[in-house]
N, C-alpha and C. Protein backbone atom coordinates (compact mmCIF):
# COMPACT_ATOMS: atom_id res chain seq x y z
N MET A 1 0.82 -1.16 0.06
CA MET A 1 -0.08 -0.02 0.03
C MET A 1 0.93 1.25 0.12
N PHE A 2 1.95 1.38 0.80
CA PHE A 2 2.71 2.51 0.89
C PHE A 2 3.95 2.45 -0.08
N ASN A 3 4.11 1.31 -0.78
CA ASN A 3 5.22 1.14 -1.63
C ASN A 3 4.95 1.77 -2.93
N ARG A 4 5.47 2.89 -3.49
CA ARG A 4 5.20 3.54 -4.64
C ARG A 4 5.83 2.72 -5.83
N LYS A 5 6.86 1.96 -5.58
CA LYS A 5 7.49 1.33 -6.73
C LYS A 5 6.66 0.37 -7.28
N VAL A 6 6.59 0.31 -8.68
CA VAL A 6 5.82 -0.64 -9.30
C VAL A 6 6.83 -1.58 -9.94
N LYS A 7 6.63 -2.88 -9.70
CA LYS A 7 7.59 -3.83 -10.37
C LYS A 7 7.41 -3.82 -11.73
N SER A 8 8.49 -3.61 -12.60
CA SER A 8 8.59 -3.47 -13.95
C SER A 8 9.63 -4.56 -14.53
N THR A 9 9.48 -5.00 -15.66
CA THR A 9 10.52 -5.89 -16.21
C THR A 9 11.20 -5.07 -17.23
N ILE A 10 12.39 -5.47 -17.38
CA ILE A 10 13.31 -4.85 -18.46
C ILE A 10 13.23 -5.73 -19.65
N ASP A 11 12.72 -5.22 -20.72
CA ASP A 11 12.46 -5.89 -21.99
C ASP A 11 13.69 -5.70 -22.93
N SER A 12 14.53 -4.75 -22.78
CA SER A 12 15.53 -4.47 -23.76
C SER A 12 16.78 -3.95 -22.98
N LEU A 13 17.95 -4.18 -23.43
CA LEU A 13 19.20 -3.78 -23.14
C LEU A 13 20.07 -3.19 -23.94
N ILE A 14 20.62 -2.10 -23.75
CA ILE A 14 21.70 -1.45 -24.47
C ILE A 14 23.02 -1.57 -23.90
N GLY A 15 23.77 -2.42 -24.39
CA GLY A 15 24.98 -2.92 -23.66
C GLY A 15 26.08 -1.79 -23.63
N SER A 16 27.03 -2.14 -22.85
CA SER A 16 28.13 -1.12 -22.41
C SER A 16 29.01 -0.77 -23.62
N THR A 17 29.19 -1.68 -24.68
CA THR A 17 30.07 -1.39 -25.78
C THR A 17 29.13 -0.81 -26.89
N THR A 18 27.82 -0.59 -26.77
CA THR A 18 27.00 -0.01 -27.80
C THR A 18 26.98 1.47 -27.68
N SER A 19 26.97 2.25 -28.89
CA SER A 19 26.77 3.56 -28.79
C SER A 19 25.80 3.86 -29.92
N ILE A 20 24.79 4.66 -29.52
CA ILE A 20 23.59 5.09 -30.48
C ILE A 20 23.58 6.50 -30.67
N HIS A 21 23.51 6.97 -31.93
CA HIS A 21 23.30 8.34 -32.39
C HIS A 21 22.01 8.31 -32.97
N GLY A 22 21.11 9.06 -32.33
CA GLY A 22 19.60 9.10 -32.76
C GLY A 22 18.74 8.88 -31.74
N ASP A 23 17.37 9.11 -31.90
CA ASP A 23 16.51 9.04 -30.80
C ASP A 23 16.13 7.59 -30.59
N VAL A 24 15.82 7.06 -29.26
CA VAL A 24 15.33 5.90 -28.90
C VAL A 24 14.04 6.00 -28.47
N HIS A 25 13.02 5.18 -29.06
CA HIS A 25 11.61 5.13 -28.58
C HIS A 25 11.47 3.65 -28.07
N PHE A 26 10.73 3.59 -27.02
CA PHE A 26 10.45 2.13 -26.41
C PHE A 26 9.32 2.03 -25.70
N LYS A 27 8.81 0.77 -25.47
CA LYS A 27 7.66 0.51 -24.57
C LYS A 27 8.19 -0.50 -23.48
N GLY A 28 7.47 -0.39 -22.47
CA GLY A 28 7.99 -1.30 -21.26
C GLY A 28 9.14 -0.87 -20.54
N GLY A 29 10.14 -1.83 -20.36
CA GLY A 29 11.31 -1.41 -19.63
C GLY A 29 12.65 -1.51 -20.55
N LEU A 30 13.51 -0.51 -20.29
CA LEU A 30 14.79 -0.58 -20.93
C LEU A 30 15.87 -0.20 -20.09
N ARG A 31 16.88 -1.00 -20.15
CA ARG A 31 18.25 -0.64 -19.37
C ARG A 31 19.22 -0.24 -20.38
N ILE A 32 20.09 0.75 -19.96
CA ILE A 32 21.21 1.36 -20.75
C ILE A 32 22.55 1.32 -20.04
N ASP A 33 23.46 0.57 -20.63
CA ASP A 33 24.68 0.62 -20.03
C ASP A 33 25.75 1.33 -20.93
N GLY A 34 25.25 1.51 -22.24
CA GLY A 34 26.13 2.12 -23.10
C GLY A 34 26.00 3.66 -23.13
N HIS A 35 26.20 4.22 -24.44
CA HIS A 35 26.16 5.69 -24.71
C HIS A 35 25.09 6.02 -25.75
N ILE A 36 24.39 6.95 -25.38
CA ILE A 36 23.26 7.36 -26.32
C ILE A 36 23.31 8.85 -26.58
N LYS A 37 23.42 9.33 -27.91
CA LYS A 37 23.31 10.60 -28.18
C LYS A 37 22.18 10.85 -28.89
N GLY A 38 21.08 11.32 -28.10
CA GLY A 38 19.83 11.54 -28.62
C GLY A 38 18.77 11.30 -27.68
N ASN A 39 17.55 11.68 -28.07
CA ASN A 39 16.47 11.62 -26.86
C ASN A 39 15.91 10.14 -26.73
N ILE A 40 15.48 9.93 -25.52
CA ILE A 40 14.95 8.64 -25.22
C ILE A 40 13.55 8.84 -24.75
N LEU A 41 12.49 8.33 -25.44
CA LEU A 41 11.23 8.56 -25.27
C LEU A 41 10.37 7.29 -24.96
N ALA A 42 9.64 7.18 -23.94
CA ALA A 42 8.92 6.06 -23.77
C ALA A 42 7.47 6.29 -24.27
N GLU A 43 6.89 5.24 -24.72
CA GLU A 43 5.47 5.54 -25.23
C GLU A 43 4.64 6.25 -24.30
N ASP A 44 3.85 7.16 -24.77
CA ASP A 44 2.81 8.01 -23.91
C ASP A 44 1.70 7.11 -23.35
N GLY A 45 1.43 7.22 -22.24
CA GLY A 45 0.26 6.76 -21.67
C GLY A 45 0.32 5.34 -21.18
N LEU A 46 1.50 4.67 -21.40
CA LEU A 46 1.67 3.34 -20.94
C LEU A 46 2.83 3.30 -19.88
N PRO A 47 2.73 2.15 -19.02
CA PRO A 47 3.74 2.11 -17.96
C PRO A 47 5.04 1.89 -18.62
N SER A 48 6.13 2.48 -18.09
CA SER A 48 7.39 2.43 -18.66
C SER A 48 8.46 2.57 -17.61
N MET A 49 9.60 2.00 -17.75
CA MET A 49 10.71 2.08 -16.90
C MET A 49 12.02 2.18 -17.59
N LEU A 50 12.71 3.07 -17.23
CA LEU A 50 14.20 3.24 -17.84
C LEU A 50 15.17 3.16 -16.72
N VAL A 51 16.32 2.36 -16.90
CA VAL A 51 17.32 2.45 -15.95
C VAL A 51 18.53 2.70 -16.58
N ILE A 52 19.36 3.87 -16.08
CA ILE A 52 20.50 4.40 -16.68
C ILE A 52 21.65 3.89 -15.62
N SER A 53 22.39 2.91 -16.21
CA SER A 53 23.34 2.27 -15.21
C SER A 53 24.49 3.19 -14.93
N GLU A 54 25.34 2.71 -13.93
CA GLU A 54 26.59 3.53 -13.60
C GLU A 54 27.49 3.79 -14.67
N LYS A 55 27.50 2.90 -15.66
CA LYS A 55 28.59 3.11 -16.71
C LYS A 55 27.97 3.84 -17.95
N ALA A 56 26.67 4.21 -18.06
CA ALA A 56 25.81 4.68 -18.96
C ALA A 56 26.02 6.20 -19.10
N LYS A 57 25.94 6.72 -20.36
CA LYS A 57 25.82 8.14 -20.56
C LYS A 57 24.93 8.36 -21.67
N VAL A 58 23.96 9.50 -21.35
CA VAL A 58 22.83 9.78 -22.26
C VAL A 58 23.03 11.35 -22.43
N GLU A 59 23.11 11.84 -23.71
CA GLU A 59 23.08 13.21 -24.27
C GLU A 59 21.95 13.46 -24.83
N GLY A 60 20.92 13.82 -24.21
CA GLY A 60 19.53 14.09 -24.82
C GLY A 60 18.48 14.21 -23.79
N GLU A 61 17.26 14.50 -24.32
CA GLU A 61 16.17 14.66 -23.44
C GLU A 61 15.58 13.17 -23.10
N ILE A 62 15.04 13.12 -21.92
CA ILE A 62 14.43 11.75 -21.48
C ILE A 62 12.98 12.11 -21.04
N ARG A 63 12.08 11.22 -21.60
CA ARG A 63 10.73 11.21 -21.10
C ARG A 63 10.29 9.91 -20.95
N VAL A 64 9.85 9.57 -19.54
CA VAL A 64 9.45 8.27 -19.13
C VAL A 64 8.74 8.28 -17.90
N ALA A 65 8.00 7.20 -17.52
CA ALA A 65 7.26 7.18 -16.40
C ALA A 65 8.05 7.03 -15.11
N HIS A 66 8.77 5.90 -15.08
CA HIS A 66 9.64 5.53 -13.99
C HIS A 66 11.11 5.54 -14.47
N LEU A 67 11.97 6.31 -13.77
CA LEU A 67 13.33 6.39 -14.14
C LEU A 67 14.34 6.27 -13.02
N VAL A 68 15.21 5.32 -13.23
CA VAL A 68 16.26 4.98 -12.19
C VAL A 68 17.56 5.48 -12.86
N VAL A 69 18.27 6.37 -12.21
CA VAL A 69 19.72 6.93 -12.81
C VAL A 69 20.75 6.57 -11.75
N ASN A 70 21.71 5.92 -12.35
CA ASN A 70 23.08 5.78 -11.60
C ASN A 70 24.25 6.18 -12.43
N GLY A 71 23.91 6.73 -13.69
CA GLY A 71 25.01 7.14 -14.67
C GLY A 71 24.80 8.64 -14.85
N GLU A 72 25.14 9.08 -16.13
CA GLU A 72 25.30 10.44 -16.44
C GLU A 72 24.16 10.84 -17.51
N ILE A 73 23.47 11.91 -17.37
CA ILE A 73 22.57 12.47 -18.31
C ILE A 73 22.96 13.91 -18.51
N VAL A 74 23.03 14.25 -19.89
CA VAL A 74 23.14 15.59 -20.17
C VAL A 74 22.00 16.05 -21.06
N GLY A 75 21.07 16.67 -20.29
CA GLY A 75 19.74 16.98 -20.96
C GLY A 75 18.54 17.05 -19.99
N ASN A 76 17.51 17.55 -20.43
CA ASN A 76 16.36 17.65 -19.57
C ASN A 76 15.70 16.28 -19.47
N VAL A 77 15.15 16.16 -18.17
CA VAL A 77 14.41 14.81 -17.85
C VAL A 77 13.07 15.19 -17.34
N TYR A 78 12.20 14.33 -17.79
CA TYR A 78 10.68 14.36 -17.53
C TYR A 78 10.26 12.91 -17.12
N SER A 79 9.96 12.87 -15.75
CA SER A 79 9.42 11.54 -14.99
C SER A 79 8.04 11.82 -14.65
N SER A 80 7.19 10.96 -15.26
CA SER A 80 5.73 11.24 -15.00
C SER A 80 5.22 10.49 -13.77
N ASP A 81 6.04 9.50 -13.34
CA ASP A 81 5.65 8.78 -12.11
C ASP A 81 6.83 8.86 -11.01
N LEU A 82 7.98 8.15 -11.11
CA LEU A 82 8.87 8.10 -10.00
C LEU A 82 10.38 8.36 -10.64
N LEU A 83 11.11 9.25 -10.00
CA LEU A 83 12.34 9.39 -10.33
C LEU A 83 13.35 9.03 -9.21
N GLU A 84 14.16 7.96 -9.36
CA GLU A 84 15.15 7.51 -8.43
C GLU A 84 16.68 7.96 -8.80
N LEU A 85 17.11 8.74 -8.02
CA LEU A 85 18.48 9.07 -8.29
C LEU A 85 19.50 8.40 -7.36
N GLN A 86 20.28 7.42 -7.90
CA GLN A 86 21.14 6.56 -7.11
C GLN A 86 22.40 7.34 -6.86
N PRO A 87 23.22 6.88 -5.91
CA PRO A 87 24.40 7.65 -5.39
C PRO A 87 25.14 8.17 -6.54
N LYS A 88 25.57 7.44 -7.62
CA LYS A 88 26.36 7.94 -8.57
C LYS A 88 25.75 8.76 -9.84
N ALA A 89 24.45 9.08 -9.62
CA ALA A 89 23.70 9.85 -10.65
C ALA A 89 24.23 11.27 -10.76
N ARG A 90 24.30 11.67 -12.12
CA ARG A 90 24.86 12.99 -12.51
C ARG A 90 23.85 13.33 -13.49
N ILE A 91 23.14 14.41 -13.24
CA ILE A 91 22.15 14.99 -14.31
C ILE A 91 22.54 16.51 -14.57
N ASN A 92 22.95 16.79 -15.83
CA ASN A 92 23.14 18.24 -16.08
C ASN A 92 21.96 18.66 -17.06
N GLY A 93 20.89 19.37 -16.33
CA GLY A 93 19.77 19.76 -17.13
C GLY A 93 18.64 19.74 -16.10
N ASP A 94 17.58 20.34 -16.71
CA ASP A 94 16.35 20.51 -15.79
C ASP A 94 15.69 19.19 -15.63
N VAL A 95 15.05 19.11 -14.43
CA VAL A 95 14.30 17.86 -14.16
C VAL A 95 12.86 18.25 -13.76
N LYS A 96 11.94 17.44 -14.19
CA LYS A 96 10.49 17.52 -13.87
C LYS A 96 10.07 16.18 -13.42
N TYR A 97 9.51 16.14 -12.25
CA TYR A 97 9.23 14.81 -11.64
C TYR A 97 7.80 14.82 -10.93
N LYS A 98 7.24 13.68 -10.63
CA LYS A 98 6.15 13.52 -9.78
C LYS A 98 6.51 13.13 -8.49
N ALA A 99 7.22 12.11 -8.33
CA ALA A 99 7.78 11.64 -7.13
C ALA A 99 9.43 11.52 -7.26
N LEU A 100 10.01 11.83 -6.12
CA LEU A 100 11.62 11.78 -6.19
C LEU A 100 12.04 11.08 -5.09
N GLU A 101 12.98 10.18 -5.38
CA GLU A 101 13.85 9.57 -4.37
C GLU A 101 15.42 9.69 -4.65
N MET A 102 16.10 10.40 -3.85
CA MET A 102 17.39 10.94 -4.14
C MET A 102 18.33 10.35 -3.09
N HIS A 103 19.28 9.64 -3.45
CA HIS A 103 20.37 9.17 -2.45
C HIS A 103 21.44 10.07 -2.48
N SER A 104 22.08 9.96 -1.22
CA SER A 104 23.30 10.78 -0.94
C SER A 104 24.39 10.43 -2.03
N GLY A 105 24.96 11.62 -2.59
CA GLY A 105 25.90 11.51 -3.52
C GLY A 105 25.45 11.83 -4.99
N ALA A 106 24.06 11.76 -5.17
CA ALA A 106 23.51 12.14 -6.53
C ALA A 106 23.59 13.60 -6.81
N LEU A 107 23.74 14.05 -7.86
CA LEU A 107 23.98 15.52 -8.28
C LEU A 107 23.11 15.87 -9.43
N VAL A 108 22.48 16.97 -9.27
CA VAL A 108 21.62 17.50 -10.29
C VAL A 108 22.08 18.94 -10.47
N SER A 109 22.53 19.27 -11.62
CA SER A 109 22.97 20.70 -12.08
C SER A 109 21.89 21.18 -13.05
N GLY A 110 20.76 21.82 -12.36
CA GLY A 110 19.67 22.18 -13.19
C GLY A 110 18.53 22.53 -12.17
N LYS A 111 17.46 22.72 -12.68
CA LYS A 111 16.13 23.13 -11.87
C LYS A 111 15.36 21.88 -11.68
N LEU A 112 15.09 21.72 -10.43
CA LEU A 112 14.18 20.54 -10.03
C LEU A 112 12.70 21.16 -9.96
N THR A 113 11.74 20.58 -10.63
CA THR A 113 10.48 21.02 -10.65
C THR A 113 9.40 19.82 -10.35
N HIS A 114 8.66 20.07 -9.22
CA HIS A 114 7.74 18.98 -8.89
C HIS A 114 6.49 19.20 -9.67
N ASP A 115 6.00 18.11 -10.49
CA ASP A 115 4.94 18.30 -11.34
C ASP A 115 3.60 17.86 -10.55
N GLN A 116 2.84 18.86 -10.26
CA GLN A 116 1.80 18.70 -9.52
C GLN A 116 0.44 18.57 -10.33
N VAL A 117 0.27 17.28 -10.60
CA VAL A 117 -0.91 16.86 -11.60
C VAL A 117 -2.20 17.20 -10.83
N ALA A 118 -3.27 16.38 -11.03
CA ALA A 118 -4.48 16.73 -10.43
C ALA A 118 -4.69 16.40 -8.93
N GLU A 119 -3.49 16.19 -8.33
CA GLU A 119 -3.49 15.85 -6.85
C GLU A 119 -3.82 17.18 -5.97
N VAL A 120 -3.43 18.32 -6.57
CA VAL A 120 -3.68 19.57 -5.72
C VAL A 120 -4.94 20.22 -6.06
N PRO A 121 -5.87 20.36 -4.98
CA PRO A 121 -7.20 20.97 -5.35
C PRO A 121 -6.89 22.37 -5.73
N THR A 122 -7.92 22.86 -6.58
CA THR A 122 -7.87 24.18 -7.02
C THR A 122 -8.62 25.12 -5.94
N PHE A 123 -8.27 26.29 -5.81
CA PHE A 123 -8.87 27.15 -4.71
C PHE A 123 -9.95 28.12 -5.44
N ASN A 124 -11.15 27.84 -5.12
CA ASN A 124 -12.24 28.59 -5.74
C ASN A 124 -12.73 29.73 -4.80
N LEU A 125 -12.62 31.01 -5.20
CA LEU A 125 -12.73 32.11 -4.30
C LEU A 125 -14.25 32.20 -3.81
N LEU A 126 -15.21 31.72 -4.67
CA LEU A 126 -16.60 31.77 -4.46
C LEU A 126 -16.91 30.80 -3.46
N GLU A 127 -16.43 29.67 -3.35
CA GLU A 127 -16.58 28.57 -2.42
C GLU A 127 -15.96 29.10 -1.13
N ALA A 128 -14.89 29.67 -1.02
CA ALA A 128 -14.10 30.08 0.12
C ALA A 128 -15.07 31.21 0.85
N ARG A 129 -15.66 32.00 0.13
CA ARG A 129 -16.53 33.10 0.79
C ARG A 129 -17.88 32.50 1.28
N ALA A 130 -18.39 31.33 0.70
CA ALA A 130 -19.47 30.67 1.17
C ALA A 130 -19.34 29.94 2.42
N VAL A 131 -18.17 29.55 2.85
CA VAL A 131 -18.03 28.69 4.07
C VAL A 131 -18.41 29.61 5.20
N PRO A 132 -17.87 30.74 5.46
CA PRO A 132 -18.14 31.49 6.74
C PRO A 132 -19.74 31.78 6.87
N GLN A 133 -20.33 32.13 5.77
CA GLN A 133 -21.78 32.35 5.71
C GLN A 133 -22.61 31.18 6.22
N ILE A 134 -22.07 29.98 5.77
CA ILE A 134 -22.99 28.80 6.10
C ILE A 134 -22.60 28.56 7.52
N SER A 135 -21.44 28.70 8.11
CA SER A 135 -21.15 28.26 9.56
C SER A 135 -21.83 29.34 10.41
N GLN A 136 -22.12 30.51 9.94
CA GLN A 136 -22.85 31.55 10.81
C GLN A 136 -24.19 31.27 10.87
N ALA A 137 -24.73 30.65 9.71
CA ALA A 137 -26.21 30.42 9.67
C ALA A 137 -26.56 29.10 10.57
N ILE A 138 -25.53 28.13 10.73
CA ILE A 138 -25.74 27.15 11.38
C ILE A 138 -25.70 27.35 13.08
N SER A 139 -24.81 28.09 13.46
CA SER A 139 -24.58 28.41 14.86
C SER A 139 -25.64 29.43 15.27
N GLY A 140 -26.34 29.14 16.38
CA GLY A 140 -27.39 29.82 16.92
C GLY A 140 -26.80 30.51 18.13
N PRO A 141 -27.89 31.19 18.89
CA PRO A 141 -27.42 31.98 20.10
C PRO A 141 -27.06 30.96 21.19
N GLU A 142 -26.22 31.48 22.02
CA GLU A 142 -25.68 30.57 23.04
C GLU A 142 -26.61 30.59 24.28
N LEU A 143 -27.00 29.47 24.79
CA LEU A 143 -27.84 29.30 25.93
C LEU A 143 -26.99 29.28 27.17
N PRO A 144 -27.74 29.65 28.28
CA PRO A 144 -27.06 29.59 29.54
C PRO A 144 -26.53 28.24 29.86
N GLY A 145 -25.28 28.12 30.48
CA GLY A 145 -24.69 26.83 30.60
C GLY A 145 -23.58 26.41 29.57
N GLY A 146 -23.48 27.30 28.51
CA GLY A 146 -22.61 27.05 27.55
C GLY A 146 -22.86 26.29 26.32
N THR A 147 -24.13 25.95 26.13
CA THR A 147 -24.58 25.14 25.07
C THR A 147 -25.25 26.03 24.02
N GLU A 148 -25.27 25.61 22.84
CA GLU A 148 -25.85 26.44 21.83
C GLU A 148 -27.02 25.74 21.17
N THR A 149 -27.88 26.50 20.55
CA THR A 149 -28.99 25.83 19.78
C THR A 149 -28.62 25.96 18.39
N ALA A 150 -29.36 25.15 17.67
CA ALA A 150 -29.17 25.15 16.33
C ALA A 150 -30.29 25.72 15.45
């Protein structure tokens, strides 16, 4: 119940001796041990997980639901679910996240922005004004002995 982490499987691996120049689009889970120069984009609206290992380097924008970083990212990061920054994580760019778990030693050189989706209620000025009027109408005159009538 309190565990936010969703168990995901890794469907694909980009090995440590692999270098990719261009955008990477994926569904499901992806682990990167190599070097990517391009954007990494998970399919919109589907659960996704990306693991950037300690040896990996990504130069480009990342958009994914669940991101685990222990390597280096040069570019902006957008995590729509959970962002986990492991001790050797290095991000040089702006980061937008819904939930963040940051370990000691992780470094972000950029702006961290919490993405407040529909969880934060909006403040309606008309409703705020109506509340005191309702509470005044409910409470009646005070009776002797400290009780009130309705």
